[in-house]
Amino acid sequence: MSEKLIDYIISEKFIALKFKSNLELLISLDILRKACPCAECSGEKDVFGNIYKGPKKQLVGLSFIILKISLIGHYAIRVFWKDGHSNGIYTFKQLKGLSE
């Protein structure tokens, strides 16, 4: 999905994203955080397809508050959460799937 993010709004419970193509996404912050694609949260695969994960991270209230986002090229955003976590890069394709 090649899109251009033109605007976003972060509320207490949701993030709304608007793209140049007029696509608009509304995603729950709870769903967004729990779908974090970073290696720490989702694990990482070795060359044989085995997934390695660390211990499950305990999410607290601050884990579901966004401080800011930054654009990663024309394909993803990086979310900076209030609990200090910011490793996840969410592709626009993943975000579209989370909004459905």
C-alpha atoms as a PDB file:
ATOM      1  CA  MET A   1       0.000   0.000   0.000  1.00  0.00           C
ATOM      2  CA  SER A   2       1.803   3.095  -1.221  1.00  0.00           C
ATOM      3  CA  GLU A   3       0.144   6.009   0.506  1.00  0.00           C
ATOM      4  CA  LYS A   4       1.033   9.450   1.784  1.00  0.00           C
ATOM      5  CA  LEU A   5      -0.036  10.284   5.324  1.00  0.00           C
ATOM      6  CA  ILE A   6      -1.290  13.873   5.369  1.00  0.00           C
ATOM      7  CA  ASP A   7      -2.808  14.224   8.834  1.00  0.00           C
ATOM      8  CA  TYR A   8      -3.432  12.434  12.092  1.00  0.00           C
ATOM      9  CA  ILE A   9      -5.200  13.012  15.378  1.00  0.00           C
ATOM     10  CA  ILE A  10      -4.428  11.226  18.644  1.00  0.00           C
ATOM     11  CA  SER A  11      -7.200  11.082  21.227  1.00  0.00           C
ATOM     12  CA  GLU A  12      -7.405   9.369  24.598  1.00  0.00           C
ATOM     13  CA  LYS A  13      -8.534   6.050  23.093  1.00  0.00           C
ATOM     14  CA  PHE A  14      -7.927   6.227  19.323  1.00  0.00           C
ATOM     15  CA  ILE A  15      -5.619   7.401  16.571  1.00  0.00           C
ATOM     16  CA  ALA A  16      -7.148   8.667  13.329  1.00  0.00           C
ATOM     17  CA  LEU A  17      -5.001   8.715  10.198  1.00  0.00           C
ATOM     18  CA  LYS A  18      -5.832  10.475   6.934  1.00  0.00           C
ATOM     19  CA  PHE A  19      -4.039   9.706   3.679  1.00  0.00           C
ATOM     20  CA  LYS A  20      -3.764  11.699   0.446  1.00  0.00           C
ATOM     21  CA  SER A  21      -5.963   9.107  -1.293  1.00  0.00           C
ATOM     22  CA  ASN A  22      -8.780  10.101   1.146  1.00  0.00           C
ATOM     23  CA  LEU A  23      -8.377   6.812   3.018  1.00  0.00           C
ATOM     24  CA  GLU A  24      -9.149   7.371   6.695  1.00  0.00           C
ATOM     25  CA  LEU A  25      -8.287   4.889   9.438  1.00  0.00           C
ATOM     26  CA  LEU A  26      -9.475   4.845  13.045  1.00  0.00           C
ATOM     27  CA  ILE A  27      -7.547   2.504  15.338  1.00  0.00           C
ATOM     28  CA  SER A  28      -7.970   1.822  19.025  1.00  0.00           C
ATOM     29  CA  LEU A  29      -4.765   2.587  20.973  1.00  0.00           C
ATOM     30  CA  ASP A  30      -5.288  -0.662  22.880  1.00  0.00           C
ATOM     31  CA  ILE A  31      -5.305  -2.672  19.639  1.00  0.00           C
ATOM     32  CA  LEU A  32      -2.396  -0.668  18.222  1.00  0.00           C
ATOM     33  CA  ARG A  33      -0.151  -1.250  21.229  1.00  0.00           C
ATOM     34  CA  LYS A  34      -0.965  -4.944  21.516  1.00  0.00           C
ATOM     35  CA  ALA A  35      -0.091  -5.361  17.812  1.00  0.00           C
ATOM     36  CA  CYS A  36       3.357  -3.781  18.181  1.00  0.00           C
ATOM     37  CA  PRO A  37       5.506  -5.353  15.449  1.00  0.00           C
ATOM     38  CA  CYS A  38       8.898  -4.908  17.148  1.00  0.00           C
ATOM     39  CA  ALA A  39      11.083  -7.916  17.940  1.00  0.00           C
ATOM     40  CA  GLU A  40      10.616  -7.422  21.680  1.00  0.00           C
ATOM     41  CA  CYS A  41       6.812  -7.554  21.467  1.00  0.00           C
ATOM     42  CA  SER A  42       6.192  -9.823  18.464  1.00  0.00           C
ATOM     43  CA  GLY A  43       9.396 -11.827  18.375  1.00  0.00           C
ATOM     44  CA  GLU A  44      11.764 -12.335  15.499  1.00  0.00           C
ATOM     45  CA  LYS A  45      12.333 -15.242  13.126  1.00  0.00           C
ATOM     46  CA  ASP A  46      15.592 -16.998  12.418  1.00  0.00           C
ATOM     47  CA  VAL A  47      16.465 -18.413   8.993  1.00  0.00           C
ATOM     48  CA  PHE A  48      14.535 -21.600   9.816  1.00  0.00           C
ATOM     49  CA  GLY A  49      11.321 -19.741  10.689  1.00  0.00           C
ATOM     50  CA  ASN A  50      11.604 -20.262  14.461  1.00  0.00           C
ATOM     51  CA  ILE A  51      10.214 -17.302  16.408  1.00  0.00           C
ATOM     52  CA  TYR A  52      12.144 -16.028  19.408  1.00  0.00           C
ATOM     53  CA  LYS A  53      10.462 -13.804  21.985  1.00  0.00           C
ATOM     54  CA  GLY A  54      11.511 -12.458  25.313  1.00  0.00           C
ATOM     55  CA  PRO A  55       9.250 -12.567  28.337  1.00  0.00           C
ATOM     56  CA  LYS A  56       5.843 -10.995  27.802  1.00  0.00           C
ATOM     57  CA  LYS A  57       5.921  -7.319  28.751  1.00  0.00           C
ATOM     58  CA  GLN A  58       3.422  -6.150  31.332  1.00  0.00           C
ATOM     59  CA  LEU A  59       1.407  -3.304  29.815  1.00  0.00           C
ATOM     60  CA  VAL A  60       0.158  -0.580  32.163  1.00  0.00           C
ATOM     61  CA  GLY A  61      -1.858   2.616  31.695  1.00  0.00           C
ATOM     62  CA  LEU A  62       1.095   4.564  30.269  1.00  0.00           C
ATOM     63  CA  SER A  63       1.583   1.787  27.696  1.00  0.00           C
ATOM     64  CA  PHE A  64      -1.548   2.939  25.853  1.00  0.00           C
ATOM     65  CA  ILE A  65      -0.797   6.673  25.617  1.00  0.00           C
ATOM     66  CA  ILE A  66       0.938   8.027  22.512  1.00  0.00           C
ATOM     67  CA  LEU A  67       3.380  10.899  22.955  1.00  0.00           C
ATOM     68  CA  LYS A  68       4.046  11.328  19.240  1.00  0.00           C
ATOM     69  CA  ILE A  69       4.471   9.509  15.957  1.00  0.00           C
ATOM     70  CA  SER A  70       7.081   9.925  13.250  1.00  0.00           C
ATOM     71  CA  LEU A  71       6.812   9.089   9.594  1.00  0.00           C
ATOM     72  CA  ILE A  72       9.076   6.347   8.228  1.00  0.00           C
ATOM     73  CA  GLY A  73       9.382   7.005   4.499  1.00  0.00           C
ATOM     74  CA  HIS A  74       6.111   6.631   2.615  1.00  0.00           C
ATOM     75  CA  TYR A  75       5.196   3.283   4.110  1.00  0.00           C
ATOM     76  CA  ALA A  76       5.069   3.355   7.915  1.00  0.00           C
ATOM     77  CA  ILE A  77       4.938   5.229  11.204  1.00  0.00           C
ATOM     78  CA  ARG A  78       6.936   4.839  14.385  1.00  0.00           C
ATOM     79  CA  VAL A  79       4.934   5.298  17.582  1.00  0.00           C
ATOM     80  CA  PHE A  80       6.440   6.743  20.750  1.00  0.00           C
ATOM     81  CA  TRP A  81       4.469   5.478  23.758  1.00  0.00           C
ATOM     82  CA  LYS A  82       4.423   7.221  27.133  1.00  0.00           C
ATOM     83  CA  ASP A  83       5.975   4.193  28.880  1.00  0.00           C
ATOM     84  CA  GLY A  84       9.161   4.719  26.822  1.00  0.00           C
ATOM     85  CA  HIS A  85       8.541   2.033  24.191  1.00  0.00           C
ATOM     86  CA  SER A  86       9.199   3.152  20.612  1.00  0.00           C
ATOM     87  CA  ASN A  87      10.706   0.217  18.697  1.00  0.00           C
ATOM     88  CA  GLY A  88       7.667  -0.725  16.628  1.00  0.00           C
ATOM     89  CA  ILE A  89       7.417   0.384  13.012  1.00  0.00           C
ATOM     90  CA  TYR A  90       3.809  -0.009  11.857  1.00  0.00           C
ATOM     91  CA  THR A  91       3.442  -0.260   8.077  1.00  0.00           C
ATOM     92  CA  PHE A  92       0.449   1.407   6.473  1.00  0.00           C
ATOM     93  CA  LYS A  93      -0.670  -2.059   5.359  1.00  0.00           C
ATOM     94  CA  GLN A  94      -0.614  -3.274   8.977  1.00  0.00           C
ATOM     95  CA  LEU A  95      -2.462  -0.157  10.141  1.00  0.00           C
ATOM     96  CA  LYS A  96      -5.169  -0.731   7.535  1.00  0.00           C
ATOM     97  CA  GLY A  97      -5.620  -4.275   8.832  1.00  0.00           C
ATOM     98  CA  LEU A  98      -5.856  -3.044  12.431  1.00  0.00           C
ATOM     99  CA  SER A  99      -8.602  -0.559  11.535  1.00  0.00           C
ATOM    100  CA  GLU A 100     -10.931  -3.168  10.044  1.00  0.00           C
END
